[in-house]
Each structure stands twice: as structure tokens, then as C-alpha cells.
Amino acid sequence: MGKSSKSNRREKLSLSTFEVLTLMFVAGNFVIGLVMLVLELVKTTKK
């Protein structure tokens, strides 16, 4: 446990960057989902 406390700062830094990447990935998927939903709505309303 003593060894891990030394590299705790590095792990926190990598975790934060990983969290940012994950958030970006989730946000991207969310945006894509919204766009697809809007396109589907436009298709149905145009008919």
C-alpha cells in the first residue's frame, strides 16, 4: 500500500484525462443519438 501512495498523483492525473476522454466519447455518442433522432423526426414529419 505504501508504494501505491507515491504514484497516487500520477494515477489521479491519468484518471482525470481518462475521465475527460470518456466524457467526450459519451457526449459524442449523445450528440450523434440526438442528430439521428432529429433526422428521424424530420423524415416522419416530411411524409
PDB file of N, CA and C in Angstrom:
ATOM      1  N   MET A   1       0.835  -1.206   0.000  1.00  0.00           N
ATOM      2  CA  MET A   1       0.000   0.000   0.000  1.00  0.00           C
ATOM      3  C   MET A   1       0.865   1.249   0.000  1.00  0.00           C
ATOM      4  N   GLY A   2       2.076   1.153   0.626  1.00  0.00           N
ATOM      5  CA  GLY A   2       2.969   2.311   0.715  1.00  0.00           C
ATOM      6  C   GLY A   2       3.480   2.734  -0.651  1.00  0.00           C
ATOM      7  N   LYS A   3       3.716   1.760  -1.539  1.00  0.00           N
ATOM      8  CA  LYS A   3       4.237   2.086  -2.878  1.00  0.00           C
ATOM      9  C   LYS A   3       3.182   2.805  -3.722  1.00  0.00           C
ATOM     10  N   SER A   4       1.941   2.393  -3.610  1.00  0.00           N
ATOM     11  CA  SER A   4       0.872   2.968  -4.432  1.00  0.00           C
ATOM     12  C   SER A   4       0.603   4.426  -4.069  1.00  0.00           C
ATOM     13  N   SER A   5       0.858   4.795  -2.797  1.00  0.00           N
ATOM     14  CA  SER A   5       0.589   6.177  -2.366  1.00  0.00           C
ATOM     15  C   SER A   5       1.542   7.151  -3.053  1.00  0.00           C
ATOM     16  N   LYS A   6       2.733   6.665  -3.448  1.00  0.00           N
ATOM     17  CA  LYS A   6       3.706   7.543  -4.125  1.00  0.00           C
ATOM     18  C   LYS A   6       3.233   7.884  -5.537  1.00  0.00           C
ATOM     19  N   SER A   7       2.683   6.930  -6.245  1.00  0.00           N
ATOM     20  CA  SER A   7       2.226   7.151  -7.623  1.00  0.00           C
ATOM     21  C   SER A   7       0.749   7.536  -7.667  1.00  0.00           C
ATOM     22  N   ASN A   8       0.220   7.975  -6.524  1.00  0.00           N
ATOM     23  CA  ASN A   8      -1.199   8.339  -6.448  1.00  0.00           C
ATOM     24  C   ASN A   8      -1.478   9.564  -7.307  1.00  0.00           C
ATOM     25  N   ARG A   9      -0.549  10.525  -7.291  1.00  0.00           N
ATOM     26  CA  ARG A   9      -0.736  11.750  -8.077  1.00  0.00           C
ATOM     27  C   ARG A   9      -0.791  11.422  -9.566  1.00  0.00           C
ATOM     28  N   ARG A  10       0.093  10.562  -9.999  1.00  0.00           N
ATOM     29  CA  ARG A  10       0.125  10.186 -11.423  1.00  0.00           C
ATOM     30  C   ARG A  10      -1.176   9.491 -11.813  1.00  0.00           C
ATOM     31  N   GLU A  11      -1.637   8.588 -10.947  1.00  0.00           N
ATOM     32  CA  GLU A  11      -2.884   7.867 -11.217  1.00  0.00           C
ATOM     33  C   GLU A  11      -4.054   8.835 -11.300  1.00  0.00           C
ATOM     34  N   LYS A  12      -4.066   9.828 -10.411  1.00  0.00           N
ATOM     35  CA  LYS A  12      -5.145  10.825 -10.424  1.00  0.00           C
ATOM     36  C   LYS A  12      -5.110  11.611 -11.728  1.00  0.00           C
ATOM     37  N   LEU A  13      -3.913  11.964 -12.187  1.00  0.00           N
ATOM     38  CA  LEU A  13      -3.774  12.744 -13.424  1.00  0.00           C
ATOM     39  C   LEU A  13      -4.273  11.925 -14.609  1.00  0.00           C
ATOM     40  N   SER A  14      -3.832  10.660 -14.685  1.00  0.00           N
ATOM     41  CA  SER A  14      -4.243   9.802 -15.798  1.00  0.00           C
ATOM     42  C   SER A  14      -5.737   9.511 -15.722  1.00  0.00           C
ATOM     43  N   LEU A  15      -6.257   9.434 -14.501  1.00  0.00           N
ATOM     44  CA  LEU A  15      -7.681   9.172 -14.317  1.00  0.00           C
ATOM     45  C   LEU A  15      -8.496  10.351 -14.820  1.00  0.00           C
ATOM     46  N   SER A  16      -8.006  11.567 -14.522  1.00  0.00           N
ATOM     47  CA  SER A  16      -8.733  12.765 -14.952  1.00  0.00           C
ATOM     48  C   SER A  16      -8.756  12.855 -16.476  1.00  0.00           C
ATOM     49  N   THR A  17      -7.619  12.579 -17.119  1.00  0.00           N
ATOM     50  CA  THR A  17      -7.567  12.627 -18.583  1.00  0.00           C
ATOM     51  C   THR A  17      -8.451  11.528 -19.166  1.00  0.00           C
ATOM     52  N   PHE A  18      -8.430  10.356 -18.522  1.00  0.00           N
ATOM     53  CA  PHE A  18      -9.273   9.244 -18.970  1.00  0.00           C
ATOM     54  C   PHE A  18     -10.744   9.613 -18.819  1.00  0.00           C
ATOM     55  N   GLU A  19     -11.064  10.294 -17.695  1.00  0.00           N
ATOM     56  CA  GLU A  19     -12.444  10.732 -17.470  1.00  0.00           C
ATOM     57  C   GLU A  19     -12.867  11.730 -18.528  1.00  0.00           C
ATOM     58  N   VAL A  20     -11.958  12.641 -18.888  1.00  0.00           N
ATOM     59  CA  VAL A  20     -12.256  13.649 -19.917  1.00  0.00           C
ATOM     60  C   VAL A  20     -12.530  12.959 -21.249  1.00  0.00           C
ATOM     61  N   LEU A  21     -11.688  11.973 -21.592  1.00  0.00           N
ATOM     62  CA  LEU A  21     -11.870  11.230 -22.843  1.00  0.00           C
ATOM     63  C   LEU A  21     -13.198  10.480 -22.827  1.00  0.00           C
ATOM     64  N   THR A  22     -13.511   9.878 -21.684  1.00  0.00           N
ATOM     65  CA  THR A  22     -14.769   9.140 -21.553  1.00  0.00           C
ATOM     66  C   THR A  22     -15.956  10.079 -21.699  1.00  0.00           C
ATOM     67  N   LEU A  23     -15.849  11.260 -21.052  1.00  0.00           N
ATOM     68  CA  LEU A  23     -16.928  12.252 -21.139  1.00  0.00           C
ATOM     69  C   LEU A  23     -17.112  12.707 -22.576  1.00  0.00           C
ATOM     70  N   MET A  24     -15.981  12.936 -23.272  1.00  0.00           N
ATOM     71  CA  MET A  24     -16.037  13.366 -24.675  1.00  0.00           C
ATOM     72  C   MET A  24     -16.694  12.279 -25.523  1.00  0.00           C
ATOM     73  N   PHE A  25     -16.317  11.014 -25.257  1.00  0.00           N
ATOM     74  CA  PHE A  25     -16.872   9.888 -26.004  1.00  0.00           C
ATOM     75  C   PHE A  25     -18.378   9.775 -25.772  1.00  0.00           C
ATOM     76  N   VAL A  26     -18.782   9.885 -24.502  1.00  0.00           N
ATOM     77  CA  VAL A  26     -20.205   9.796 -24.151  1.00  0.00           C
ATOM     78  C   VAL A  26     -20.970  10.962 -24.763  1.00  0.00           C
ATOM     79  N   ALA A  27     -20.378  12.162 -24.671  1.00  0.00           N
ATOM     80  CA  ALA A  27     -21.030  13.355 -25.226  1.00  0.00           C
ATOM     81  C   ALA A  27     -21.181  13.209 -26.738  1.00  0.00           C
ATOM     82  N   GLY A  28     -20.147  12.675 -27.397  1.00  0.00           N
ATOM     83  CA  GLY A  28     -20.192  12.473 -28.845  1.00  0.00           C
ATOM     84  C   GLY A  28     -21.297  11.509 -29.230  1.00  0.00           C
ATOM     85  N   ASN A  29     -21.394  10.405 -28.484  1.00  0.00           N
ATOM     86  CA  ASN A  29     -22.457   9.430 -28.746  1.00  0.00           C
ATOM     87  C   ASN A  29     -23.824  10.047 -28.511  1.00  0.00           C
ATOM     88  N   PHE A  30     -23.919  10.882 -27.463  1.00  0.00           N
ATOM     89  CA  PHE A  30     -25.191  11.542 -27.136  1.00  0.00           C
ATOM     90  C   PHE A  30     -25.605  12.480 -28.256  1.00  0.00           C
ATOM     91  N   VAL A  31     -24.636  13.248 -28.771  1.00  0.00           N
ATOM     92  CA  VAL A  31     -24.910  14.195 -29.864  1.00  0.00           C
ATOM     93  C   VAL A  31     -25.335  13.438 -31.114  1.00  0.00           C
ATOM     94  N   ILE A  32     -24.615  12.348 -31.425  1.00  0.00           N
ATOM     95  CA  ILE A  32     -24.948  11.539 -32.603  1.00  0.00           C
ATOM     96  C   ILE A  32     -26.370  10.989 -32.466  1.00  0.00           C
ATOM     97  N   GLY A  33     -26.693  10.516 -31.253  1.00  0.00           N
ATOM     98  CA  GLY A  33     -28.030   9.995 -30.999  1.00  0.00           C
ATOM     99  C   GLY A  33     -29.089  11.063 -31.202  1.00  0.00           C
ATOM    100  N   LEU A  34     -28.805  12.275 -30.723  1.00  0.00           N
ATOM    101  CA  LEU A  34     -29.753  13.386 -30.881  1.00  0.00           C
ATOM    102  C   LEU A  34     -29.946  13.715 -32.350  1.00  0.00           C
ATOM    103  N   VAL A  35     -28.846  13.765 -33.100  1.00  0.00           N
ATOM    104  CA  VAL A  35     -28.911  14.088 -34.532  1.00  0.00           C
ATOM    105  C   VAL A  35     -29.742  13.042 -35.266  1.00  0.00           C
ATOM    106  N   MET A  36     -29.491  11.766 -34.944  1.00  0.00           N
ATOM    107  CA  MET A  36     -30.247  10.688 -35.583  1.00  0.00           C
ATOM    108  C   MET A  36     -31.736  10.804 -35.252  1.00  0.00           C
ATOM    109  N   LEU A  37     -32.035  11.154 -33.997  1.00  0.00           N
ATOM    110  CA  LEU A  37     -33.424  11.327 -33.568  1.00  0.00           C
ATOM    111  C   LEU A  37     -34.084  12.457 -34.344  1.00  0.00           C
ATOM    112  N   VAL A  38     -33.380  13.576 -34.465  1.00  0.00           N
ATOM    113  CA  VAL A  38     -33.908  14.738 -35.191  1.00  0.00           C
ATOM    114  C   VAL A  38     -34.145  14.376 -36.652  1.00  0.00           C
ATOM    115  N   LEU A  39     -33.189  13.663 -37.253  1.00  0.00           N
ATOM    116  CA  LEU A  39     -33.329  13.259 -38.654  1.00  0.00           C
ATOM    117  C   LEU A  39     -34.547  12.357 -38.830  1.00  0.00           C
ATOM    118  N   GLU A  40     -34.745  11.435 -37.894  1.00  0.00           N
ATOM    119  CA  GLU A  40     -35.905  10.544 -37.964  1.00  0.00           C
ATOM    120  C   GLU A  40     -37.197  11.338 -37.848  1.00  0.00           C
ATOM    121  N   LEU A  41     -37.212  12.327 -36.948  1.00  0.00           N
ATOM    122  CA  LEU A  41     -38.402  13.171 -36.767  1.00  0.00           C
ATOM    123  C   LEU A  41     -38.680  13.966 -38.035  1.00  0.00           C
ATOM    124  N   VAL A  42     -37.620  14.497 -38.653  1.00  0.00           N
ATOM    125  CA  VAL A  42     -37.769  15.275 -39.886  1.00  0.00           C
ATOM    126  C   VAL A  42     -38.326  14.383 -40.992  1.00  0.00           C
ATOM    127  N   LYS A  43     -37.822  13.150 -41.064  1.00  0.00           N
ATOM    128  CA  LYS A  43     -38.296  12.204 -42.086  1.00  0.00           C
ATOM    129  C   LYS A  43     -39.786  11.934 -41.923  1.00  0.00           C
ATOM    130  N   THR A  44     -40.211  11.717 -40.679  1.00  0.00           N
ATOM    131  CA  THR A  44     -41.617  11.384 -40.424  1.00  0.00           C
ATOM    132  C   THR A  44     -42.514  12.594 -40.646  1.00  0.00           C
ATOM    133  N   THR A  45     -42.036  13.785 -40.313  1.00  0.00           N
ATOM    134  CA  THR A  45     -42.871  14.988 -40.476  1.00  0.00           C
ATOM    135  C   THR A  45     -42.964  15.390 -41.944  1.00  0.00           C
ATOM    136  N   LYS A  46     -41.925  15.098 -42.725  1.00  0.00           N
ATOM    137  CA  LYS A  46     -41.939  15.453 -44.152  1.00  0.00           C
ATOM    138  C   LYS A  46     -42.945  14.596 -44.907  1.00  0.00           C
ATOM    139  N   LYS A  47     -43.138  13.358 -44.469  1.00  0.00           N
ATOM    140  CA  LYS A  47     -44.101  12.455 -45.102  1.00  0.00           C
ATOM    141  C   LYS A  47     -45.510  12.973 -44.823  1.00  0.00           C
TER     142      LYS A  47
END
